[in-house]
Amino acid sequence: MSAPLSSKLPWESMNPILASSLNPIISMPQSSGSILRNITLVAGSNTINHGLGRMMQGWTITDLNASATIYRSQPLNSITLTLTASAPCTVNIEVF
């Protein structure tokens, strides 16, 4: 863990301290993701364009309006996310 910041340090000394604290957070995949809102899923297979413009690293359901089991049914790729739902539902999905 980094040393606590002091108000008496000059900027040149604080810059490396701030960088060592912030860089791990900035480099997390979730920092460059987005939320796909109000995605309607049918029971069965659903292909969704994730819009990241790069290889997808993961996804999380952030809102679900029905009792459904949802799982990824194809490998992650640079264009789409394929999910299988056990019942029709509407979801918000964080993609990163």
PDB file of N, CA and C in Angstrom:
ATOM      1  N   MET A   1       0.845  -1.185   0.000  1.00  0.00           N
ATOM      2  CA  MET A   1       0.000   0.000   0.000  1.00  0.00           C
ATOM      3  C   MET A   1       0.879   1.234   0.000  1.00  0.00           C
ATOM      4  N   SER A   2       0.429   2.278  -0.648  1.00  0.00           N
ATOM      5  CA  SER A   2       1.194   3.509  -0.739  1.00  0.00           C
ATOM      6  C   SER A   2       1.170   4.265   0.572  1.00  0.00           C
ATOM      7  N   ALA A   3       2.183   5.096   0.735  1.00  0.00           N
ATOM      8  CA  ALA A   3       2.238   5.949   1.921  1.00  0.00           C
ATOM      9  C   ALA A   3       1.135   6.992   1.842  1.00  0.00           C
ATOM     10  N   PRO A   4       0.629   7.465   2.990  1.00  0.00           N
ATOM     11  CA  PRO A   4      -0.408   8.493   2.953  1.00  0.00           C
ATOM     12  C   PRO A   4       0.131   9.778   2.324  1.00  0.00           C
ATOM     13  N   LEU A   5      -0.743  10.500   1.651  1.00  0.00           N
ATOM     14  CA  LEU A   5      -0.344  11.753   1.015  1.00  0.00           C
ATOM     15  C   LEU A   5      -0.176  12.838   2.065  1.00  0.00           C
ATOM     16  N   SER A   6       0.788  13.689   1.847  1.00  0.00           N
ATOM     17  CA  SER A   6       1.032  14.815   2.740  1.00  0.00           C
ATOM     18  C   SER A   6       0.767  16.096   1.975  1.00  0.00           C
ATOM     19  N   SER A   7       0.168  17.068   2.618  1.00  0.00           N
ATOM     20  CA  SER A   7      -0.098  18.347   1.958  1.00  0.00           C
ATOM     21  C   SER A   7       1.174  19.160   1.778  1.00  0.00           C
ATOM     22  N   LYS A   8       2.285  18.709   2.362  1.00  0.00           N
ATOM     23  CA  LYS A   8       3.533  19.453   2.273  1.00  0.00           C
ATOM     24  C   LYS A   8       4.458  18.944   1.174  1.00  0.00           C
ATOM     25  N   LEU A   9       4.062  17.889   0.465  1.00  0.00           N
ATOM     26  CA  LEU A   9       4.912  17.366  -0.603  1.00  0.00           C
ATOM     27  C   LEU A   9       4.755  18.205  -1.862  1.00  0.00           C
ATOM     28  N   PRO A  10       5.851  18.496  -2.568  1.00  0.00           N
ATOM     29  CA  PRO A  10       5.714  19.181  -3.852  1.00  0.00           C
ATOM     30  C   PRO A  10       5.106  18.233  -4.885  1.00  0.00           C
ATOM     31  N   TRP A  11       4.538  18.798  -5.952  1.00  0.00           N
ATOM     32  CA  TRP A  11       3.861  18.007  -6.986  1.00  0.00           C
ATOM     33  C   TRP A  11       4.759  16.914  -7.540  1.00  0.00           C
ATOM     34  N   GLU A  12       6.048  17.197  -7.752  1.00  0.00           N
ATOM     35  CA  GLU A  12       6.955  16.202  -8.320  1.00  0.00           C
ATOM     36  C   GLU A  12       7.041  14.961  -7.433  1.00  0.00           C
ATOM     37  N   SER A  13       6.907  15.143  -6.141  1.00  0.00           N
ATOM     38  CA  SER A  13       6.943  14.005  -5.216  1.00  0.00           C
ATOM     39  C   SER A  13       5.593  13.304  -5.139  1.00  0.00           C
ATOM     40  N   MET A  14       4.520  14.056  -5.302  1.00  0.00           N
ATOM     41  CA  MET A  14       3.182  13.476  -5.185  1.00  0.00           C
ATOM     42  C   MET A  14       2.791  12.689  -6.429  1.00  0.00           C
ATOM     43  N   ASN A  15       3.272  13.091  -7.596  1.00  0.00           N
ATOM     44  CA  ASN A  15       2.882  12.449  -8.842  1.00  0.00           C
ATOM     45  C   ASN A  15       3.122  10.937  -8.825  1.00  0.00           C
ATOM     46  N   PRO A  16       4.315  10.439  -8.428  1.00  0.00           N
ATOM     47  CA  PRO A  16       4.504   8.984  -8.390  1.00  0.00           C
ATOM     48  C   PRO A  16       3.606   8.293  -7.362  1.00  0.00           C
ATOM     49  N   ILE A  17       3.337   8.983  -6.260  1.00  0.00           N
ATOM     50  CA  ILE A  17       2.467   8.396  -5.235  1.00  0.00           C
ATOM     51  C   ILE A  17       1.048   8.249  -5.780  1.00  0.00           C
ATOM     52  N   LEU A  18       0.556   9.301  -6.432  1.00  0.00           N
ATOM     53  CA  LEU A  18      -0.784   9.237  -7.021  1.00  0.00           C
ATOM     54  C   LEU A  18      -0.839   8.174  -8.115  1.00  0.00           C
ATOM     55  N   ALA A  19       0.175   8.124  -8.956  1.00  0.00           N
ATOM     56  CA  ALA A  19       0.193   7.142 -10.040  1.00  0.00           C
ATOM     57  C   ALA A  19       0.182   5.723  -9.499  1.00  0.00           C
ATOM     58  N   SER A  20       0.947   5.454  -8.457  1.00  0.00           N
ATOM     59  CA  SER A  20       0.990   4.093  -7.911  1.00  0.00           C
ATOM     60  C   SER A  20      -0.335   3.715  -7.257  1.00  0.00           C
ATOM     61  N   SER A  21      -1.096   4.712  -6.823  1.00  0.00           N
ATOM     62  CA  SER A  21      -2.402   4.434  -6.219  1.00  0.00           C
ATOM     63  C   SER A  21      -3.500   4.295  -7.266  1.00  0.00           C
ATOM     64  N   LEU A  22      -3.456   5.124  -8.308  1.00  0.00           N
ATOM     65  CA  LEU A  22      -4.541   5.158  -9.288  1.00  0.00           C
ATOM     66  C   LEU A  22      -4.364   4.191 -10.454  1.00  0.00           C
ATOM     67  N   ASN A  23      -3.146   3.917 -10.873  1.00  0.00           N
ATOM     68  CA  ASN A  23      -2.933   3.054 -12.039  1.00  0.00           C
ATOM     69  C   ASN A  23      -3.565   1.674 -11.917  1.00  0.00           C
ATOM     70  N   PRO A  24      -3.497   0.995 -10.758  1.00  0.00           N
ATOM     71  CA  PRO A  24      -4.173  -0.313 -10.669  1.00  0.00           C
ATOM     72  C   PRO A  24      -5.686  -0.218 -10.871  1.00  0.00           C
ATOM     73  N   ILE A  25      -6.283   0.863 -10.424  1.00  0.00           N
ATOM     74  CA  ILE A  25      -7.731   1.039 -10.590  1.00  0.00           C
ATOM     75  C   ILE A  25      -8.059   1.337 -12.054  1.00  0.00           C
ATOM     76  N   ILE A  26      -7.281   2.222 -12.667  1.00  0.00           N
ATOM     77  CA  ILE A  26      -7.521   2.603 -14.064  1.00  0.00           C
ATOM     78  C   ILE A  26      -7.324   1.420 -15.008  1.00  0.00           C
ATOM     79  N   SER A  27      -6.411   0.519 -14.669  1.00  0.00           N
ATOM     80  CA  SER A  27      -6.120  -0.602 -15.561  1.00  0.00           C
ATOM     81  C   SER A  27      -7.114  -1.766 -15.426  1.00  0.00           C
ATOM     82  N   MET A  28      -8.057  -1.679 -14.494  1.00  0.00           N
ATOM     83  CA  MET A  28      -9.059  -2.738 -14.348  1.00  0.00           C
ATOM     84  C   MET A  28      -9.954  -2.766 -15.589  1.00  0.00           C
ATOM     85  N   PRO A  29     -10.297  -3.951 -16.100  1.00  0.00           N
ATOM     86  CA  PRO A  29     -11.137  -4.024 -17.309  1.00  0.00           C
ATOM     87  C   PRO A  29     -12.469  -3.291 -17.159  1.00  0.00           C
ATOM     88  N   GLN A  30     -13.041  -3.301 -15.966  1.00  0.00           N
ATOM     89  CA  GLN A  30     -14.331  -2.652 -15.751  1.00  0.00           C
ATOM     90  C   GLN A  30     -14.264  -1.139 -15.968  1.00  0.00           C
ATOM     91  N   SER A  31     -13.063  -0.559 -15.880  1.00  0.00           N
ATOM     92  CA  SER A  31     -12.913   0.887 -16.077  1.00  0.00           C
ATOM     93  C   SER A  31     -13.195   1.314 -17.505  1.00  0.00           C
ATOM     94  N   SER A  32     -13.068   0.402 -18.454  1.00  0.00           N
ATOM     95  CA  SER A  32     -13.303   0.760 -19.853  1.00  0.00           C
ATOM     96  C   SER A  32     -14.502   0.021 -20.434  1.00  0.00           C
ATOM     97  N   GLY A  33     -15.435  -0.337 -19.590  1.00  0.00           N
ATOM     98  CA  GLY A  33     -16.626  -1.044 -20.045  1.00  0.00           C
ATOM     99  C   GLY A  33     -17.801  -0.114 -20.248  1.00  0.00           C
ATOM    100  N   SER A  34     -18.951  -0.721 -20.476  1.00  0.00           N
ATOM    101  CA  SER A  34     -20.182   0.049 -20.620  1.00  0.00           C
ATOM    102  C   SER A  34     -21.360  -0.805 -20.158  1.00  0.00           C
ATOM    103  N   ILE A  35     -22.497  -0.157 -19.980  1.00  0.00           N
ATOM    104  CA  ILE A  35     -23.713  -0.868 -19.573  1.00  0.00           C
ATOM    105  C   ILE A  35     -24.695  -0.852 -20.736  1.00  0.00           C
ATOM    106  N   LEU A  36     -25.112  -2.042 -21.146  1.00  0.00           N
ATOM    107  CA  LEU A  36     -26.141  -2.194 -22.171  1.00  0.00           C
ATOM    108  C   LEU A  36     -27.474  -2.236 -21.433  1.00  0.00           C
ATOM    109  N   ARG A  37     -28.341  -1.282 -21.696  1.00  0.00           N
ATOM    110  CA  ARG A  37     -29.593  -1.143 -20.936  1.00  0.00           C
ATOM    111  C   ARG A  37     -30.802  -1.689 -21.712  1.00  0.00           C
ATOM    112  N   ASN A  38     -31.725  -2.257 -20.933  1.00  0.00           N
ATOM    113  CA  ASN A  38     -33.013  -2.722 -21.460  1.00  0.00           C
ATOM    114  C   ASN A  38     -32.860  -3.691 -22.626  1.00  0.00           C
ATOM    115  N   ILE A  39     -32.022  -4.686 -22.433  1.00  0.00           N
ATOM    116  CA  ILE A  39     -31.833  -5.733 -23.435  1.00  0.00           C
ATOM    117  C   ILE A  39     -32.893  -6.808 -23.198  1.00  0.00           C
ATOM    118  N   THR A  40     -33.712  -7.059 -24.193  1.00  0.00           N
ATOM    119  CA  THR A  40     -34.761  -8.069 -24.091  1.00  0.00           C
ATOM    120  C   THR A  40     -34.183  -9.421 -24.510  1.00  0.00           C
ATOM    121  N   LEU A  41     -34.281 -10.392 -23.624  1.00  0.00           N
ATOM    122  CA  LEU A  41     -33.818 -11.747 -23.914  1.00  0.00           C
ATOM    123  C   LEU A  41     -35.021 -12.667 -24.055  1.00  0.00           C
ATOM    124  N   VAL A  42     -34.972 -13.549 -25.030  1.00  0.00           N
ATOM    125  CA  VAL A  42     -36.000 -14.578 -25.185  1.00  0.00           C
ATOM    126  C   VAL A  42     -35.498 -15.841 -24.499  1.00  0.00           C
ATOM    127  N   ALA A  43     -36.397 -16.754 -24.213  1.00  0.00           N
ATOM    128  CA  ALA A  43     -35.979 -18.054 -23.679  1.00  0.00           C
ATOM    129  C   ALA A  43     -35.186 -18.758 -24.775  1.00  0.00           C
ATOM    130  N   GLY A  44     -33.966 -19.157 -24.450  1.00  0.00           N
ATOM    131  CA  GLY A  44     -33.090 -19.771 -25.441  1.00  0.00           C
ATOM    132  C   GLY A  44     -31.906 -18.875 -25.727  1.00  0.00           C
ATOM    133  N   SER A  45     -31.345 -18.995 -26.919  1.00  0.00           N
ATOM    134  CA  SER A  45     -30.126 -18.292 -27.288  1.00  0.00           C
ATOM    135  C   SER A  45     -30.393 -16.860 -27.737  1.00  0.00           C
ATOM    136  N   ASN A  46     -29.526 -15.933 -27.309  1.00  0.00           N
ATOM    137  CA  ASN A  46     -29.630 -14.516 -27.645  1.00  0.00           C
ATOM    138  C   ASN A  46     -28.240 -13.999 -28.000  1.00  0.00           C
ATOM    139  N   THR A  47     -28.097 -13.367 -29.156  1.00  0.00           N
ATOM    140  CA  THR A  47     -26.820 -12.790 -29.560  1.00  0.00           C
ATOM    141  C   THR A  47     -26.934 -11.279 -29.478  1.00  0.00           C
ATOM    142  N   ILE A  48     -26.009 -10.659 -28.743  1.00  0.00           N
ATOM    143  CA  ILE A  48     -26.043  -9.230 -28.466  1.00  0.00           C
ATOM    144  C   ILE A  48     -24.739  -8.614 -28.947  1.00  0.00           C
ATOM    145  N   ASN A  49     -24.814  -7.514 -29.689  1.00  0.00           N
ATOM    146  CA  ASN A  49     -23.621  -6.782 -30.086  1.00  0.00           C
ATOM    147  C   ASN A  49     -23.176  -5.956 -28.877  1.00  0.00           C
ATOM    148  N   HIS A  50     -21.973  -6.226 -28.327  1.00  0.00           N
ATOM    149  CA  HIS A  50     -21.545  -5.533 -27.110  1.00  0.00           C
ATOM    150  C   HIS A  50     -20.968  -4.149 -27.369  1.00  0.00           C
ATOM    151  N   GLY A  51     -20.555  -3.829 -28.601  1.00  0.00           N
ATOM    152  CA  GLY A  51     -20.134  -2.477 -28.959  1.00  0.00           C
ATOM    153  C   GLY A  51     -18.824  -2.003 -28.361  1.00  0.00           C
ATOM    154  N   LEU A  52     -18.008  -2.873 -27.810  1.00  0.00           N
ATOM    155  CA  LEU A  52     -16.753  -2.441 -27.197  1.00  0.00           C
ATOM    156  C   LEU A  52     -15.664  -2.131 -28.225  1.00  0.00           C
ATOM    157  N   GLY A  53     -15.744  -2.724 -29.394  1.00  0.00           N
ATOM    158  CA  GLY A  53     -14.726  -2.505 -30.407  1.00  0.00           C
ATOM    159  C   GLY A  53     -13.400  -3.171 -30.088  1.00  0.00           C
ATOM    160  N   ARG A  54     -13.441  -4.154 -29.209  1.00  0.00           N
ATOM    161  CA  ARG A  54     -12.240  -4.899 -28.816  1.00  0.00           C
ATOM    162  C   ARG A  54     -12.688  -6.238 -28.238  1.00  0.00           C
ATOM    163  N   MET A  55     -11.724  -7.081 -27.952  1.00  0.00           N
ATOM    164  CA  MET A  55     -12.039  -8.367 -27.333  1.00  0.00           C
ATOM    165  C   MET A  55     -12.687  -8.139 -25.971  1.00  0.00           C
ATOM    166  N   MET A  56     -13.825  -8.736 -25.772  1.00  0.00           N
ATOM    167  CA  MET A  56     -14.541  -8.630 -24.514  1.00  0.00           C
ATOM    168  C   MET A  56     -13.841  -9.464 -23.445  1.00  0.00           C
ATOM    169  N   GLN A  57     -13.781  -8.947 -22.215  1.00  0.00           N
ATOM    170  CA  GLN A  57     -13.125  -9.668 -21.131  1.00  0.00           C
ATOM    171  C   GLN A  57     -14.102 -10.263 -20.131  1.00  0.00           C
ATOM    172  N   GLY A  58     -15.320  -9.715 -20.062  1.00  0.00           N
ATOM    173  CA  GLY A  58     -16.300 -10.260 -19.136  1.00  0.00           C
ATOM    174  C   GLY A  58     -17.614  -9.504 -19.191  1.00  0.00           C
ATOM    175  N   TRP A  59     -18.572  -9.970 -18.413  1.00  0.00           N
ATOM    176  CA  TRP A  59     -19.895  -9.365 -18.375  1.00  0.00           C
ATOM    177  C   TRP A  59     -20.535  -9.665 -17.028  1.00  0.00           C
ATOM    178  N   THR A  60     -21.488  -8.801 -16.650  1.00  0.00           N
ATOM    179  CA  THR A  60     -22.236  -8.961 -15.410  1.00  0.00           C
ATOM    180  C   THR A  60     -23.657  -8.461 -15.638  1.00  0.00           C
ATOM    181  N   ILE A  61     -24.624  -9.206 -15.147  1.00  0.00           N
ATOM    182  CA  ILE A  61     -26.014  -8.732 -15.173  1.00  0.00           C
ATOM    183  C   ILE A  61     -26.160  -7.742 -14.024  1.00  0.00           C
ATOM    184  N   THR A  62     -26.561  -6.509 -14.335  1.00  0.00           N
ATOM    185  CA  THR A  62     -26.728  -5.499 -13.292  1.00  0.00           C
ATOM    186  C   THR A  62     -28.190  -5.268 -12.927  1.00  0.00           C
ATOM    187  N   ASP A  63     -29.108  -5.737 -13.772  1.00  0.00           N
ATOM    188  CA  ASP A  63     -30.540  -5.640 -13.460  1.00  0.00           C
ATOM    189  C   ASP A  63     -31.257  -6.738 -14.226  1.00  0.00           C
ATOM    190  N   LEU A  64     -32.243  -7.341 -13.594  1.00  0.00           N
ATOM    191  CA  LEU A  64     -32.995  -8.459 -14.180  1.00  0.00           C
ATOM    192  C   LEU A  64     -34.436  -8.340 -13.715  1.00  0.00           C
ATOM    193  N   ASN A  65     -35.395  -8.377 -14.647  1.00  0.00           N
ATOM    194  CA  ASN A  65     -36.793  -8.126 -14.268  1.00  0.00           C
ATOM    195  C   ASN A  65     -37.638  -9.388 -14.131  1.00  0.00           C
ATOM    196  N   ALA A  66     -37.029 -10.571 -14.202  1.00  0.00           N
ATOM    197  CA  ALA A  66     -37.800 -11.812 -14.108  1.00  0.00           C
ATOM    198  C   ALA A  66     -36.936 -12.896 -13.472  1.00  0.00           C
ATOM    199  N   SER A  67     -37.596 -13.973 -13.090  1.00  0.00           N
ATOM    200  CA  SER A  67     -36.866 -15.115 -12.542  1.00  0.00           C
ATOM    201  C   SER A  67     -36.329 -15.930 -13.713  1.00  0.00           C
ATOM    202  N   ALA A  68     -35.034 -15.765 -13.981  1.00  0.00           N
ATOM    203  CA  ALA A  68     -34.425 -16.453 -15.120  1.00  0.00           C
ATOM    204  C   ALA A  68     -32.972 -16.776 -14.789  1.00  0.00           C
ATOM    205  N   THR A  69     -32.510 -17.864 -15.341  1.00  0.00           N
ATOM    206  CA  THR A  69     -31.096 -18.207 -15.277  1.00  0.00           C
ATOM    207  C   THR A  69     -30.482 -17.791 -16.604  1.00  0.00           C
ATOM    208  N   ILE A  70     -29.354 -17.078 -16.524  1.00  0.00           N
ATOM    209  CA  ILE A  70     -28.707 -16.571 -17.737  1.00  0.00           C
ATOM    210  C   ILE A  70     -27.248 -16.995 -17.703  1.00  0.00           C
ATOM    211  N   TYR A  71     -26.792 -17.565 -18.812  1.00  0.00           N
ATOM    212  CA  TYR A  71     -25.383 -17.956 -18.890  1.00  0.00           C
ATOM    213  C   TYR A  71     -24.849 -17.715 -20.288  1.00  0.00           C
ATOM    214  N   ARG A  72     -23.515 -17.549 -20.369  1.00  0.00           N
ATOM    215  CA  ARG A  72     -22.847 -17.344 -21.653  1.00  0.00           C
ATOM    216  C   ARG A  72     -22.758 -18.683 -22.354  1.00  0.00           C
ATOM    217  N   SER A  73     -23.163 -18.725 -23.622  1.00  0.00           N
ATOM    218  CA  SER A  73     -23.202 -19.994 -24.342  1.00  0.00           C
ATOM    219  C   SER A  73     -22.258 -20.047 -25.547  1.00  0.00           C
ATOM    220  N   GLN A  74     -21.444 -19.023 -25.744  1.00  0.00           N
ATOM    221  CA  GLN A  74     -20.416 -19.008 -26.784  1.00  0.00           C
ATOM    222  C   GLN A  74     -19.179 -18.338 -26.193  1.00  0.00           C
ATOM    223  N   PRO A  75     -17.993 -18.632 -26.735  1.00  0.00           N
ATOM    224  CA  PRO A  75     -16.783 -17.959 -26.239  1.00  0.00           C
ATOM    225  C   PRO A  75     -16.863 -16.442 -26.419  1.00  0.00           C
ATOM    226  N   LEU A  76     -16.189 -15.704 -25.546  1.00  0.00           N
ATOM    227  CA  LEU A  76     -16.121 -14.256 -25.674  1.00  0.00           C
ATOM    228  C   LEU A  76     -15.397 -13.906 -26.971  1.00  0.00           C
ATOM    229  N   ASN A  77     -15.838 -12.828 -27.624  1.00  0.00           N
ATOM    230  CA  ASN A  77     -15.179 -12.389 -28.857  1.00  0.00           C
ATOM    231  C   ASN A  77     -15.211 -10.873 -28.953  1.00  0.00           C
ATOM    232  N   SER A  78     -14.769 -10.330 -30.065  1.00  0.00           N
ATOM    233  CA  SER A  78     -14.635  -8.883 -30.208  1.00  0.00           C
ATOM    234  C   SER A  78     -15.894  -8.182 -30.719  1.00  0.00           C
ATOM    235  N   ILE A  79     -16.963  -8.925 -30.994  1.00  0.00           N
ATOM    236  CA  ILE A  79     -18.166  -8.292 -31.546  1.00  0.00           C
ATOM    237  C   ILE A  79     -19.424  -8.588 -30.734  1.00  0.00           C
ATOM    238  N   THR A  80     -19.656  -9.846 -30.392  1.00  0.00           N
ATOM    239  CA  THR A  80     -20.938 -10.226 -29.786  1.00  0.00           C
ATOM    240  C   THR A  80     -20.770 -10.946 -28.455  1.00  0.00           C
ATOM    241  N   LEU A  81     -21.860 -10.968 -27.716  1.00  0.00           N
ATOM    242  CA  LEU A  81     -22.003 -11.746 -26.496  1.00  0.00           C
ATOM    243  C   LEU A  81     -23.220 -12.637 -26.711  1.00  0.00           C
ATOM    244  N   THR A  82     -23.052 -13.950 -26.585  1.00  0.00           N
ATOM    245  CA  THR A  82     -24.172 -14.876 -26.762  1.00  0.00           C
ATOM    246  C   THR A  82     -24.566 -15.422 -25.398  1.00  0.00           C
ATOM    247  N   LEU A  83     -25.804 -15.111 -25.010  1.00  0.00           N
ATOM    248  CA  LEU A  83     -26.339 -15.546 -23.726  1.00  0.00           C
ATOM    249  C   LEU A  83     -27.530 -16.460 -23.949  1.00  0.00           C
ATOM    250  N   THR A  84     -27.679 -17.433 -23.068  1.00  0.00           N
ATOM    251  CA  THR A  84     -28.857 -18.284 -23.066  1.00  0.00           C
ATOM    252  C   THR A  84     -29.647 -17.977 -21.804  1.00  0.00           C
ATOM    253  N   ALA A  85     -30.948 -17.740 -21.964  1.00  0.00           N
ATOM    254  CA  ALA A  85     -31.837 -17.427 -20.851  1.00  0.00           C
ATOM    255  C   ALA A  85     -32.853 -18.548 -20.688  1.00  0.00           C
ATOM    256  N   SER A  86     -33.200 -18.836 -19.437  1.00  0.00           N
ATOM    257  CA  SER A  86     -34.176 -19.893 -19.167  1.00  0.00           C
ATOM    258  C   SER A  86     -35.611 -19.406 -19.330  1.00  0.00           C
ATOM    259  N   ALA A  87     -35.817 -18.085 -19.362  1.00  0.00           N
ATOM    260  CA  ALA A  87     -37.153 -17.499 -19.505  1.00  0.00           C
ATOM    261  C   ALA A  87     -37.016 -16.125 -20.146  1.00  0.00           C
ATOM    262  N   PRO A  88     -38.070 -15.615 -20.751  1.00  0.00           N
ATOM    263  CA  PRO A  88     -38.015 -14.249 -21.302  1.00  0.00           C
ATOM    264  C   PRO A  88     -37.782 -13.238 -20.187  1.00  0.00           C
ATOM    265  N   CYS A  89     -36.956 -12.241 -20.448  1.00  0.00           N
ATOM    266  CA  CYS A  89     -36.673 -11.221 -19.436  1.00  0.00           C
ATOM    267  C   CYS A  89     -36.034 -10.010 -20.096  1.00  0.00           C
ATOM    268  N   THR A  90     -35.940  -8.926 -19.331  1.00  0.00           N
ATOM    269  CA  THR A  90     -35.228  -7.723 -19.749  1.00  0.00           C
ATOM    270  C   THR A  90     -34.113  -7.501 -18.758  1.00  0.00           C
ATOM    271  N   VAL A  91     -32.909  -7.212 -19.266  1.00  0.00           N
ATOM    272  CA  VAL A  91     -31.738  -7.085 -18.407  1.00  0.00           C
ATOM    273  C   VAL A  91     -30.933  -5.849 -18.756  1.00  0.00           C
ATOM    274  N   ASN A  92     -30.129  -5.409 -17.800  1.00  0.00           N
ATOM    275  CA  ASN A  92     -29.033  -4.479 -18.043  1.00  0.00           C
ATOM    276  C   ASN A  92     -27.770  -5.310 -17.877  1.00  0.00           C
ATOM    277  N   ILE A  93     -26.814  -5.151 -18.790  1.00  0.00           N
ATOM    278  CA  ILE A  93     -25.599  -5.950 -18.769  1.00  0.00           C
ATOM    279  C   ILE A  93     -24.392  -5.021 -18.791  1.00  0.00           C
ATOM    280  N   GLU A  94     -23.516  -5.170 -17.805  1.00  0.00           N
ATOM    281  CA  GLU A  94     -22.228  -4.476 -17.851  1.00  0.00           C
ATOM    282  C   GLU A  94     -21.290  -5.337 -18.672  1.00  0.00           C
ATOM    283  N   VAL A  95     -20.704  -4.771 -19.716  1.00  0.00           N
ATOM    284  CA  VAL A  95     -19.734  -5.484 -20.543  1.00  0.00           C
ATOM    285  C   VAL A  95     -18.396  -4.770 -20.416  1.00  0.00           C
ATOM    286  N   PHE A  96     -17.337  -5.553 -20.347  1.00  0.00           N
ATOM    287  CA  PHE A  96     -16.006  -4.962 -20.215  1.00  0.00           C
ATOM    288  C   PHE A  96     -14.972  -5.849 -20.870  1.00  0.00           C
TER     289      PHE A  96
END
